[in-house]
Amino acid sequence: MRRVLWIPWRWWRRAAQLAGLIAIVWLFRRTEFSNADILPGGENLFFRLDPLVGAAAMLAGRQFIAAFWPALVVVGLTLVLGRFFCGWVCPLGTLLDVAHRLARPLARQTNRWVALRANRKSGTSLSEAKGVVSQPTTPFVPQGVPPIQGMPPLRYVLLIAVLVAAVFGFPLVGLVDPFALLIRGMTFWGDPMFYRGSVASFRWVGEGWATETVQPFAKKHLLPFRAMVFQLAGVSAALLAAVFALELVARRFWCRYLCPAGAMFGLLARPALMKRVPAGVCKSCGQCATTCRMGALSADAGLSSEACTLCMDCVDACPKRIARFRFTLPTKRPVKHAARPVDLGRRGVLTGIAAGAAIPGVALAARLGQPLPVPPYLLRPPGAGEDRDFLNLCIRCGECMKVCPTNVVQPLVFEAGLEGLFSPHLIPRLIFQQSYCEYACTLCGQVCPTGAIPLLTEEAKHEQPTGKAYFDHNRCLPWAEKTPCIRCEEMCPTAEKAIKILNTFTITDAEGYEVEIMQPVVDRELCVGCGMCESNCTIEGVSAIRVQRPDAPDPGTEFLLKQGGPK
């Protein structure tokens, strides 16, 4: 029976990809302060859909995280449909397809050149690598790229390394997960550039319809809450740019060879009920192998089910309308070219295990020379708890930094060792702007997908101080120079001031006027470690009052208190 209306599968896939891309942009835009204490929810949905993130977080944290139940739904669908998530949902895969299409003339040349050189070294011709017998003309023009012969299966090695490292308590997943790479790049670099570029454009346009109508709408619905600045912004942008630049090596290079989440989806897809029929390549054609963007089809080896992302390009490209996908019940009868074996040998498995075990060991060895396990001024977000447990659960997604209204939450560099890279910490005095932990804010706990930052009420947050403040009497103006200043006491947000006035006296200045001096002191039983005092200290450079971790030793900077006050 002939269908009246035939819509190619690629249009259905593109519609699904567009919906996924719109969804993650919409959730990304919602993940920010909007003058509300409670977020609508669902902002971290894409991370909770990722079974790799869920598995790594649970292994590292040694606990079951119920918030990852959406990942179980994706796993169930993958067992039925195959590796559909990579081809129909994944926003990074969608952006890679868009990037390849925009750079198609250049990408075709570089892809073909790389494949020719690589396959020439392995003794394989380009047509053999594609599995092409002939290439009849069809209305479907996009061409695929053959797999690079001899390319090691790094995606499986990375997958094994991520899971093994998680067992040893090293959160490697945050450095290689596709969603973490995408969201960090958008948060640290993309969003600030978008904000500053938009503001500069409106200034350039000047007064008029655009600034009166478009700018208010953009500020409310499109732009971030404020201009942010982040450490490691350039590094995050470079990592994401490298993923896109690999499109010049081979189409969807990241998905084919490197993505550990894709490797997990591929392994789950092997027993899937959705099968391609025929499983192999027709001897008289081979157009499907030419078209396949993932190199999943080969004339001599058949279909690689773990590489196929159900893009349906082979169905649309089939000149005889033979190729199709259908549900097939498991059978004991062997089917010719049913599935290629997973291209991972014993050496690859051992390499993954060794890498996953060695990386935590290297990180531990690098920290042996540190005098303290955790630097005293390394402040974690509210309720984070013991640093080791926090690092085990944190996946470096950047959501807490994106939602912070004051920009105090920043990515860590190497202060906590290699395993602390990109993890969030608080910087109350960030270079050229004031930043502090808002007294009543609990947004970071609301967006954390793993519970590394727990969801706290305002009262519970104050019962678990982020740190404790200490004065440096050598720098504080009232203590060191007998100069009036109570800026810190005025800014302290606690209901009962945690900064109190210890001594009040008057002195006669050089001009003969009497000046009242009030010397402040911290009541650390009331201090919540918000950092507002440190952020607002009038001293330039290092603040005269600094917040330390709750478990850090007394820095000994309040020495005048031990000497009985000023003389």
Protein backbone atom coordinates (compact mmCIF):
# COMPACT_ATOMS: atom_id res chain seq x y z
CA MET A 1 0.00 0.00 0.00
CA ARG A 2 1.42 3.33 -1.06
CA ARG A 3 1.44 6.12 1.46
CA VAL A 4 -0.27 9.35 0.43
CA LEU A 5 2.19 11.51 2.40
CA TRP A 6 5.77 10.30 2.86
CA ILE A 7 7.94 12.37 5.22
CA PRO A 8 11.60 11.33 5.23
CA TRP A 9 12.93 9.99 8.52
CA ARG A 10 15.63 12.63 8.63
CA TRP A 11 12.99 15.33 9.08
CA TRP A 12 11.49 13.51 12.06
CA ARG A 13 14.99 13.16 13.51
CA ARG A 14 15.80 16.80 12.94
CA ALA A 15 12.55 17.81 14.63
CA ALA A 16 13.46 15.68 17.65
CA GLN A 17 16.99 17.09 17.71
CA LEU A 18 15.65 20.63 17.52
CA ALA A 19 13.26 19.89 20.38
CA GLY A 20 16.13 18.53 22.49
CA LEU A 21 18.28 21.57 21.71
CA ILE A 22 15.45 23.97 22.58
CA ALA A 23 14.83 22.03 25.80
CA ILE A 24 18.42 22.28 27.04
CA VAL A 25 18.64 25.99 26.13
CA TRP A 26 15.36 26.62 27.92
CA LEU A 27 16.50 24.72 31.03
CA PHE A 28 19.87 26.48 30.87
CA ARG A 29 18.14 29.85 30.78
CA ARG A 30 15.94 28.90 33.74
CA THR A 31 18.99 27.94 35.79
CA GLU A 32 19.59 31.36 37.24
CA PHE A 33 18.41 33.75 39.92
CA SER A 34 15.15 35.50 39.00
CA ASN A 35 14.24 37.26 42.25
CA ALA A 36 12.71 34.02 43.54
CA ASP A 37 13.98 31.82 46.37
CA ILE A 38 12.64 28.61 44.81
CA LEU A 39 13.33 27.46 41.25
CA PRO A 40 10.55 25.77 39.23
CA GLY A 41 12.52 22.49 39.08
CA GLY A 42 13.93 20.27 36.36
CA GLU A 43 16.88 22.54 35.60
CA ASN A 44 19.35 19.63 35.85
CA LEU A 45 17.17 17.17 33.91
CA PHE A 46 19.71 16.40 31.17
CA PHE A 47 22.32 15.36 33.73
CA ARG A 48 19.80 13.07 35.41
CA LEU A 49 19.05 11.50 32.02
CA ASP A 50 22.70 10.46 31.65
CA PRO A 51 23.31 6.91 32.96
CA LEU A 52 27.09 7.42 32.88
CA VAL A 53 26.87 10.39 35.25
CA GLY A 54 24.51 8.48 37.51
CA ALA A 55 26.66 5.36 37.59
CA ALA A 56 29.90 7.27 38.23
CA ALA A 57 28.35 9.42 40.98
CA MET A 58 26.89 6.40 42.74
CA LEU A 59 30.12 4.42 42.52
CA ALA A 60 32.22 7.33 43.77
CA GLY A 61 29.74 8.32 46.49
CA ARG A 62 28.99 4.68 47.41
CA GLN A 63 25.30 5.40 47.64
CA PHE A 64 22.13 5.11 45.60
CA ILE A 65 20.95 8.46 44.24
CA ALA A 66 17.22 8.32 43.58
CA ALA A 67 17.30 11.57 41.58
CA PHE A 68 18.76 9.63 38.65
CA TRP A 69 15.58 7.65 38.02
CA PRO A 70 15.17 9.37 34.59
CA ALA A 71 18.42 7.66 33.55
CA LEU A 72 16.76 4.29 34.18
CA VAL A 73 14.01 5.29 31.75
CA VAL A 74 16.63 6.13 29.11
CA VAL A 75 18.39 2.81 29.76
CA GLY A 76 15.08 0.96 29.29
CA LEU A 77 14.35 2.76 26.03
CA THR A 78 17.89 2.05 24.81
CA LEU A 79 17.43 -1.66 25.47
CA VAL A 80 14.36 -1.54 23.23
CA LEU A 81 15.20 1.06 20.56
CA GLY A 82 18.99 1.08 20.49
CA ARG A 83 21.34 4.04 20.69
CA PHE A 84 18.58 6.53 19.88
CA PHE A 85 19.65 9.10 22.49
CA CYS A 86 22.85 10.03 20.64
CA GLY A 87 21.09 10.47 17.30
CA TRP A 88 17.76 11.98 18.35
CA VAL A 89 18.16 13.72 21.72
CA CYS A 90 21.76 14.59 22.67
CA PRO A 91 22.18 18.38 22.27
CA LEU A 92 25.95 18.12 21.79
CA GLY A 93 25.42 15.66 18.94
CA THR A 94 22.90 18.06 17.40
CA LEU A 95 25.34 20.96 17.62
CA LEU A 96 28.06 18.80 16.05
CA ASP A 97 25.73 18.04 13.14
CA VAL A 98 25.02 21.76 12.74
CA ALA A 99 28.72 22.61 12.91
CA HIS A 100 29.55 19.96 10.32
CA ARG A 101 26.84 21.28 8.01
CA LEU A 102 28.09 24.85 8.33
CA ALA A 103 31.65 23.76 7.61
CA ARG A 104 30.69 21.08 5.08
CA PRO A 105 32.93 22.16 2.17
CA LEU A 106 36.02 22.30 4.37
CA ALA A 107 35.01 19.31 6.50
CA ARG A 108 34.50 17.07 3.46
CA GLN A 109 38.01 17.80 2.26
CA THR A 110 39.69 17.35 5.64
CA ASN A 111 37.64 14.24 6.48
CA ARG A 112 38.55 12.59 3.20
CA TRP A 113 42.22 13.58 3.52
CA VAL A 114 42.50 12.20 7.08
CA ALA A 115 40.68 8.98 6.16
CA LEU A 116 42.87 8.48 3.08
CA ARG A 117 46.10 8.91 5.02
CA ALA A 118 45.00 6.76 7.94
CA ASN A 119 43.56 3.99 5.78
CA ARG A 120 46.58 4.04 3.45
CA LYS A 121 48.80 3.24 6.43
CA SER A 122 46.55 0.32 7.33
CA GLY A 123 46.48 -0.94 3.74
CA THR A 124 42.77 -0.19 3.24
CA SER A 125 41.41 1.79 0.33
CA LEU A 126 38.80 4.47 0.87
CA SER A 127 36.09 2.50 -0.92
CA GLU A 128 36.88 -0.62 1.11
CA ALA A 129 36.70 1.36 4.32
CA LYS A 130 33.29 2.65 3.28
CA GLY A 131 32.17 -0.75 2.17
CA VAL A 132 30.98 0.70 -1.15
CA VAL A 133 30.42 -1.38 -4.27
CA SER A 134 28.84 1.30 -6.39
CA GLN A 135 27.33 4.69 -5.74
CA PRO A 136 24.09 5.19 -7.66
CA THR A 137 22.67 8.65 -7.88
CA THR A 138 19.87 9.29 -5.37
CA PRO A 139 18.05 12.41 -4.26
CA PHE A 140 19.70 12.14 -0.86
CA VAL A 141 23.05 13.90 -1.13
CA PRO A 142 24.77 13.99 2.32
CA GLN A 143 27.79 11.75 2.34
CA GLY A 144 29.15 9.88 5.30
CA VAL A 145 32.75 9.42 6.32
CA PRO A 146 34.35 5.99 6.66
CA PRO A 147 35.79 4.97 9.98
CA ILE A 148 39.49 5.66 10.35
CA GLN A 149 41.02 2.22 10.07
CA GLY A 150 43.26 1.34 13.00
CA MET A 151 41.75 4.01 15.24
CA PRO A 152 41.75 2.54 18.77
CA PRO A 153 38.38 2.30 20.55
CA LEU A 154 39.15 5.11 22.97
CA ARG A 155 35.48 5.58 23.90
CA TYR A 156 35.44 2.15 25.59
CA VAL A 157 38.79 2.77 27.25
CA LEU A 158 37.48 6.09 28.56
CA LEU A 159 34.26 4.44 29.76
CA ILE A 160 36.16 1.79 31.71
CA ALA A 161 38.58 4.39 33.08
CA VAL A 162 35.70 6.63 34.26
CA LEU A 163 33.96 3.79 36.10
CA VAL A 164 37.16 2.38 37.62
CA ALA A 165 38.29 5.85 38.71
CA ALA A 166 34.88 6.35 40.33
CA VAL A 167 35.37 3.16 42.33
CA PHE A 168 38.64 4.64 43.61
CA GLY A 169 36.88 7.91 44.46
CA PHE A 170 38.18 10.01 41.56
CA PRO A 171 35.44 11.93 39.68
CA LEU A 172 36.85 11.65 36.17
CA VAL A 173 33.35 11.73 34.66
CA GLY A 174 33.07 15.50 35.09
CA LEU A 175 36.02 16.05 32.75
CA VAL A 176 34.79 13.88 29.84
CA ASP A 177 30.98 13.73 30.07
CA PRO A 178 29.41 15.47 27.04
CA PHE A 179 26.78 17.34 29.08
CA ALA A 180 29.39 18.61 31.56
CA LEU A 181 31.61 19.82 28.70
CA LEU A 182 28.68 21.58 27.03
CA ILE A 183 27.14 23.21 30.10
CA ARG A 184 30.51 24.34 31.51
CA GLY A 185 31.49 25.90 28.20
CA MET A 186 28.13 27.67 27.95
CA THR A 187 28.24 28.83 31.59
CA PHE A 188 31.86 29.94 31.92
CA TRP A 189 32.38 31.45 28.49
CA GLY A 190 29.27 31.45 26.30
CA ASP A 191 26.85 33.19 28.66
CA PRO A 192 29.23 35.99 29.75
CA MET A 193 30.18 36.68 26.13
CA PHE A 194 26.52 36.68 25.10
CA TYR A 195 25.65 39.14 27.87
CA ARG A 196 28.48 41.54 27.14
CA GLY A 197 27.94 41.33 23.40
CA SER A 198 24.23 42.08 23.77
CA VAL A 199 24.83 45.03 26.07
CA ALA A 200 27.47 46.42 23.69
CA SER A 201 25.08 46.03 20.75
CA PHE A 202 22.29 47.93 22.49
CA ARG A 203 24.73 50.70 23.40
CA TRP A 204 25.90 50.89 19.80
CA VAL A 205 22.32 51.12 18.53
CA GLY A 206 21.59 53.91 20.99
CA GLU A 207 18.22 55.27 21.99
CA GLY A 208 15.26 54.15 19.94
CA TRP A 209 12.84 51.32 19.33
CA ALA A 210 15.43 48.61 19.94
CA THR A 211 16.45 49.83 23.38
CA GLU A 212 12.88 50.65 24.42
CA THR A 213 11.21 47.42 23.25
CA VAL A 214 13.76 44.73 22.44
CA GLN A 215 16.18 45.34 25.32
CA PRO A 216 13.60 44.91 28.13
CA PHE A 217 12.35 41.68 26.52
CA ALA A 218 15.91 40.40 26.09
CA LYS A 219 16.79 41.17 29.71
CA LYS A 220 13.72 39.36 30.97
CA HIS A 221 13.77 36.27 28.78
CA LEU A 222 17.11 35.87 26.99
CA LEU A 223 20.00 37.43 28.89
CA PRO A 224 21.56 36.20 32.14
CA PHE A 225 20.65 37.90 35.40
CA ARG A 226 23.99 39.73 35.53
CA ALA A 227 27.41 39.82 33.91
CA MET A 228 29.44 36.92 35.31
CA VAL A 229 33.15 36.25 35.34
CA PHE A 230 34.63 32.78 35.93
CA GLN A 231 38.01 31.25 36.46
CA LEU A 232 38.97 28.62 33.86
CA ALA A 233 36.57 30.19 31.34
CA GLY A 234 39.20 29.96 28.61
CA VAL A 235 40.01 26.34 29.46
CA SER A 236 36.33 25.36 29.34
CA ALA A 237 35.87 27.13 26.02
CA ALA A 238 38.99 25.47 24.60
CA LEU A 239 37.83 21.98 25.61
CA LEU A 240 34.44 22.50 23.98
CA ALA A 241 36.03 24.08 20.91
CA ALA A 242 38.31 21.05 20.56
CA VAL A 243 35.27 18.76 20.43
CA PHE A 244 33.87 20.82 17.55
CA ALA A 245 37.26 21.11 15.83
CA LEU A 246 37.46 17.31 15.67
CA GLU A 247 34.68 17.48 13.06
CA LEU A 248 37.45 18.43 10.65
CA VAL A 249 39.08 15.06 11.32
CA ALA A 250 35.97 12.93 10.91
CA ARG A 251 32.26 13.54 11.08
CA ARG A 252 31.05 13.12 14.66
CA PHE A 253 34.59 12.22 15.69
CA TRP A 254 33.70 12.81 19.34
CA CYS A 255 30.69 10.49 19.16
CA ARG A 256 32.53 7.82 17.16
CA TYR A 257 35.79 7.57 19.04
CA LEU A 258 35.83 9.47 22.33
CA CYS A 259 32.44 9.89 24.02
CA PRO A 260 32.24 7.56 27.07
CA ALA A 261 28.49 8.17 27.43
CA GLY A 262 28.07 7.11 23.81
CA ALA A 263 30.10 3.98 24.52
CA MET A 264 27.75 3.08 27.38
CA PHE A 265 24.70 3.68 25.19
CA GLY A 266 26.31 1.57 22.48
CA LEU A 267 26.87 -1.39 24.78
CA LEU A 268 23.31 -1.15 26.05
CA ALA A 269 22.07 -1.02 22.45
CA ARG A 270 23.59 -4.33 21.34
CA PRO A 271 20.64 -6.50 22.50
CA ALA A 272 18.06 -3.88 21.46
CA LEU A 273 14.84 -5.10 19.84
CA MET A 274 14.94 -2.43 17.12
CA LYS A 275 16.98 -3.91 14.27
CA ARG A 276 17.96 -2.75 10.83
CA VAL A 277 16.75 -4.93 7.97
CA PRO A 278 18.77 -5.99 6.11
CA ALA A 279 21.52 -6.06 8.72
CA GLY A 280 24.24 -5.92 6.09
CA VAL A 281 24.99 -3.91 2.96
CA CYS A 282 23.47 -4.90 -0.37
CA LYS A 283 26.12 -6.20 -2.75
CA SER A 284 24.73 -4.26 -5.68
CA CYS A 285 24.60 -0.86 -4.00
CA GLY A 286 26.40 0.18 -0.82
CA GLN A 287 24.77 3.61 -0.72
CA CYS A 288 23.83 3.13 2.94
CA ALA A 289 27.47 2.58 3.93
CA THR A 290 28.44 5.72 2.01
CA THR A 291 25.78 7.76 3.77
CA CYS A 292 26.26 6.53 7.36
CA ARG A 293 27.60 9.40 9.47
CA MET A 294 28.82 7.06 12.20
CA GLY A 295 30.57 4.49 10.02
CA ALA A 296 28.29 1.82 11.47
CA LEU A 297 27.84 -0.06 8.16
CA SER A 298 30.46 -2.02 6.26
CA ALA A 299 30.11 -4.34 3.27
CA ASP A 300 32.35 -7.05 4.70
CA ALA A 301 31.66 -6.69 8.44
CA GLY A 302 27.97 -5.78 8.49
CA LEU A 303 26.29 -3.49 11.01
CA SER A 304 27.85 -2.24 14.22
CA SER A 305 24.79 -1.94 16.46
CA GLU A 306 26.68 -0.05 19.16
CA ALA A 307 27.80 2.58 16.62
CA CYS A 308 24.39 3.03 14.96
CA THR A 309 22.51 6.06 16.33
CA LEU A 310 19.29 5.37 14.36
CA CYS A 311 19.76 8.54 12.32
CA MET A 312 17.78 6.80 9.51
CA ASP A 313 19.97 8.30 6.79
CA CYS A 314 20.49 4.83 5.34
CA VAL A 315 16.71 4.35 5.10
CA ASP A 316 16.21 7.62 3.26
CA ALA A 317 19.22 6.99 1.00
CA CYS A 318 18.19 3.47 -0.06
CA PRO A 319 17.25 3.73 -3.78
CA LYS A 320 15.08 0.56 -3.65
CA ARG A 321 13.40 1.37 -0.30
CA ILE A 322 14.67 -1.93 1.09
CA ALA A 323 16.41 -0.67 4.23
CA ARG A 324 14.22 -0.16 7.25
CA PHE A 325 14.18 -0.58 11.01
CA ARG A 326 11.73 -2.85 12.76
CA PHE A 327 11.23 -4.61 16.07
CA THR A 328 12.71 -8.11 15.97
CA LEU A 329 12.34 -10.63 18.76
CA PRO A 330 15.55 -12.35 19.91
CA THR A 331 16.25 -15.53 17.96
CA LYS A 332 18.71 -18.37 18.37
CA ARG A 333 19.23 -18.64 14.64
CA PRO A 334 22.41 -16.87 13.52
CA VAL A 335 21.83 -14.00 11.12
CA LYS A 336 24.48 -13.08 8.59
CA HIS A 337 26.06 -9.73 9.38
CA ALA A 338 23.70 -9.35 12.36
CA ALA A 339 26.20 -7.35 14.35
CA ARG A 340 29.88 -6.62 14.34
CA PRO A 341 31.71 -7.51 17.54
CA VAL A 342 32.68 -4.70 19.89
CA ASP A 343 36.06 -3.42 18.71
CA LEU A 344 37.68 -3.72 22.12
CA GLY A 345 40.23 -6.39 22.89
CA ARG A 346 41.86 -7.52 26.09
CA ARG A 347 44.52 -4.85 25.72
CA GLY A 348 41.88 -2.10 25.60
CA VAL A 349 40.14 -3.43 28.71
CA LEU A 350 43.40 -3.59 30.63
CA THR A 351 44.35 -0.11 29.44
CA GLY A 352 41.06 1.29 30.70
CA ILE A 353 41.39 -0.43 34.07
CA ALA A 354 45.00 0.68 34.44
CA ALA A 355 44.17 4.28 33.54
CA GLY A 356 41.19 4.36 35.89
CA ALA A 357 43.33 3.05 38.76
CA ALA A 358 46.46 5.10 37.96
CA ILE A 359 44.82 8.54 37.75
CA PRO A 360 43.63 8.51 41.40
CA GLY A 361 47.07 7.28 42.43
CA VAL A 362 48.81 10.11 40.59
CA ALA A 363 46.40 12.63 42.14
CA LEU A 364 47.09 11.26 45.61
CA ALA A 365 50.85 11.33 45.09
CA ALA A 366 50.66 14.96 43.92
CA ARG A 367 49.01 15.95 47.20
CA LEU A 368 51.52 14.26 49.51
CA GLY A 369 53.66 17.38 49.70
CA GLN A 370 50.81 19.61 50.85
CA PRO A 371 51.00 20.61 54.53
CA LEU A 372 47.22 20.36 54.97
CA PRO A 373 44.72 17.99 53.34
CA VAL A 374 42.45 20.92 52.49
CA PRO A 375 43.62 24.57 52.29
CA PRO A 376 42.06 26.65 55.09
CA TYR A 377 40.57 29.24 52.72
CA LEU A 378 38.99 26.67 50.37
CA LEU A 379 35.30 27.28 51.07
CA ARG A 380 32.76 24.90 49.61
CA PRO A 381 29.09 25.73 48.89
CA PRO A 382 26.64 25.61 51.80
CA GLY A 383 26.11 22.17 53.32
CA ALA A 384 28.82 20.50 51.22
CA GLY A 385 30.21 18.66 54.23
CA GLU A 386 33.50 16.75 54.31
CA ASP A 387 35.63 17.61 51.30
CA ARG A 388 36.38 14.04 50.24
CA ASP A 389 32.69 13.07 50.16
CA PHE A 390 31.85 16.28 48.32
CA LEU A 391 34.43 15.65 45.59
CA ASN A 392 33.19 12.08 45.15
CA LEU A 393 29.66 13.24 44.36
CA CYS A 394 30.44 16.44 42.44
CA ILE A 395 30.36 15.96 38.65
CA ARG A 396 31.69 19.45 37.79
CA CYS A 397 28.55 20.33 35.83
CA GLY A 398 28.74 24.06 36.63
CA GLU A 399 25.03 24.33 37.48
CA CYS A 400 25.70 25.77 40.95
CA MET A 401 27.96 28.44 39.45
CA LYS A 402 25.39 29.28 36.78
CA VAL A 403 22.60 29.83 39.32
CA CYS A 404 24.60 31.79 41.92
CA PRO A 405 23.20 35.37 42.03
CA THR A 406 26.40 36.94 43.37
CA ASN A 407 29.00 35.04 41.27
CA VAL A 408 30.78 33.89 44.45
CA VAL A 409 30.80 30.22 43.38
CA GLN A 410 33.84 29.65 41.17
CA PRO A 411 35.55 26.63 39.60
CA LEU A 412 38.60 25.41 41.46
CA VAL A 413 41.97 25.10 39.75
CA PHE A 414 44.50 22.92 41.60
CA GLU A 415 44.15 24.13 45.20
CA ALA A 416 42.59 20.80 46.19
CA GLY A 417 44.75 18.70 43.90
CA LEU A 418 44.02 17.24 40.49
CA GLU A 419 40.73 15.71 41.66
CA GLY A 420 39.43 19.15 42.64
CA LEU A 421 39.70 20.62 39.13
CA PHE A 422 36.49 22.44 38.10
CA SER A 423 34.79 21.69 41.42
CA PRO A 424 32.93 24.66 42.97
CA HIS A 425 34.29 26.79 45.79
CA LEU A 426 33.55 30.25 47.17
CA ILE A 427 35.73 33.31 46.55
CA PRO A 428 34.32 36.18 48.65
CA ARG A 429 36.71 38.69 47.11
CA LEU A 430 36.92 37.90 43.41
CA ILE A 431 39.55 40.09 41.74
CA PHE A 432 37.63 43.23 40.73
CA GLN A 433 34.12 42.61 42.02
CA GLN A 434 32.37 41.99 45.30
CA SER A 435 31.01 38.48 45.73
CA TYR A 436 29.57 36.73 48.75
CA CYS A 437 27.17 33.94 49.63
CA GLU A 438 23.70 35.51 49.80
CA TYR A 439 22.39 35.03 53.34
CA ALA A 440 18.97 33.62 52.38
CA CYS A 441 19.93 31.90 49.08
CA THR A 442 19.71 28.10 48.68
CA LEU A 443 19.66 27.93 44.86
CA CYS A 444 22.90 25.93 44.44
CA GLY A 445 21.43 23.01 46.39
CA GLN A 446 18.30 23.13 44.25
CA VAL A 447 20.17 22.59 40.97
CA CYS A 448 22.85 20.09 42.06
CA PRO A 449 21.96 16.82 40.24
CA THR A 450 23.86 14.47 42.57
CA GLY A 451 23.22 15.98 45.99
CA ALA A 452 26.87 16.96 46.46
CA ILE A 453 25.39 20.30 47.52
CA PRO A 454 22.35 19.25 49.58
CA LEU A 455 18.98 20.89 49.26
CA LEU A 456 18.72 23.00 52.41
CA THR A 457 16.18 25.31 53.94
CA GLU A 458 17.39 28.76 54.96
CA GLU A 459 17.42 27.71 58.62
CA ALA A 460 19.37 24.51 57.87
CA LYS A 461 21.88 26.48 55.82
CA HIS A 462 22.63 28.78 58.76
CA GLU A 463 23.07 25.80 61.07
CA GLN A 464 25.86 24.48 58.78
CA PRO A 465 28.26 27.43 58.45
CA THR A 466 30.30 27.69 55.28
CA GLY A 467 33.21 28.99 57.36
CA LYS A 468 34.29 31.26 60.19
CA ALA A 469 35.65 34.80 59.87
CA TYR A 470 38.93 35.98 61.45
CA PHE A 471 40.37 39.50 61.62
CA ASP A 472 43.96 40.27 60.76
CA HIS A 473 44.95 42.87 63.35
CA ASN A 474 47.96 43.86 61.27
CA ARG A 475 45.66 45.03 58.45
CA CYS A 476 42.38 46.03 60.10
CA LEU A 477 42.24 49.85 60.27
CA PRO A 478 40.73 50.24 63.78
CA TRP A 479 43.22 47.72 65.22
CA ALA A 480 46.40 48.43 63.26
CA GLU A 481 46.19 52.18 62.58
CA LYS A 482 43.57 53.43 65.06
CA THR A 483 41.48 54.62 62.10
CA PRO A 484 37.65 54.64 62.22
CA CYS A 485 36.01 51.85 60.16
CA ILE A 486 33.08 49.56 60.96
CA ARG A 487 32.19 48.60 57.39
CA CYS A 488 32.26 44.88 58.18
CA GLU A 489 29.93 45.27 61.18
CA GLU A 490 27.48 47.29 59.10
CA MET A 491 27.42 44.69 56.31
CA CYS A 492 27.06 41.58 58.52
CA PRO A 493 23.67 40.07 57.50
CA THR A 494 22.96 37.80 60.50
CA ALA A 495 19.91 38.63 62.60
CA GLU A 496 22.10 39.11 65.63
CA LYS A 497 25.30 40.67 64.37
CA ALA A 498 28.14 38.16 64.26
CA ILE A 499 30.58 41.10 64.17
CA LYS A 500 30.41 43.08 67.37
CA ILE A 501 32.26 46.09 68.75
CA LEU A 502 34.74 45.01 71.42
CA ASN A 503 36.43 48.32 72.33
CA THR A 504 35.31 51.91 71.91
CA PHE A 505 37.62 54.82 72.68
CA THR A 506 38.49 58.25 71.40
CA ILE A 507 41.78 59.61 70.17
CA THR A 508 42.94 63.07 69.10
CA ASP A 509 43.99 63.18 65.48
CA ALA A 510 46.79 65.31 63.99
CA GLU A 511 44.43 68.26 63.50
CA GLY A 512 43.32 68.21 67.13
CA TYR A 513 39.89 66.68 66.59
CA GLU A 514 38.57 63.87 68.77
CA VAL A 515 37.87 60.71 66.75
CA GLU A 516 35.90 57.72 68.04
CA ILE A 517 37.49 54.35 67.34
CA MET A 518 35.42 51.16 67.50
CA GLN A 519 37.36 47.91 67.26
CA PRO A 520 35.34 44.98 65.88
CA VAL A 521 35.50 41.32 66.87
CA VAL A 522 33.84 38.18 65.44
CA ASP A 523 31.43 36.10 67.47
CA ARG A 524 32.11 32.83 65.70
CA GLU A 525 29.14 31.15 67.32
CA LEU A 526 26.95 33.42 65.19
CA CYS A 527 29.14 33.63 62.06
CA VAL A 528 27.78 31.68 59.06
CA GLY A 529 30.79 32.27 56.80
CA CYS A 530 28.88 34.14 54.09
CA GLY A 531 31.93 36.29 53.25
CA MET A 532 30.03 39.58 53.03
CA CYS A 533 32.46 41.15 55.52
CA GLU A 534 35.47 39.99 53.53
CA SER A 535 33.93 41.12 50.26
CA ASN A 536 33.13 44.61 51.57
CA CYS A 537 36.33 45.29 53.53
CA THR A 538 37.70 48.71 52.60
CA ILE A 539 41.30 47.48 52.58
CA GLU A 540 42.65 47.00 49.06
CA GLY A 541 44.21 43.68 48.14
CA VAL A 542 43.92 40.95 50.76
CA SER A 543 41.01 41.72 53.06
CA ALA A 544 41.57 42.53 56.74
CA ILE A 545 38.91 39.93 57.63
CA ARG A 546 38.89 36.56 55.94
CA VAL A 547 36.67 33.51 56.12
CA GLN A 548 38.25 30.12 56.77
CA ARG A 549 36.81 26.64 56.61
CA PRO A 550 34.99 25.58 59.81
CA ASP A 551 37.54 22.79 60.37
CA ALA A 552 40.60 25.00 59.74
CA PRO A 553 42.87 25.87 62.71
CA ASP A 554 42.93 29.35 64.24
CA PRO A 555 45.20 31.40 61.95
CA GLY A 556 46.49 33.42 64.92
CA THR A 557 45.91 36.77 63.22
CA GLU A 558 43.82 38.19 66.08
CA PHE A 559 46.90 38.47 68.26
CA LEU A 560 45.86 41.65 70.09
CA LEU A 561 42.94 39.82 71.65
CA LYS A 562 45.38 37.42 73.30
CA GLN A 563 47.41 40.36 74.57
CA GLY A 564 44.41 41.90 76.32
CA GLY A 565 43.46 44.44 73.67
CA PRO A 566 45.17 47.63 72.52
CA LYS A 567 47.62 49.49 74.67
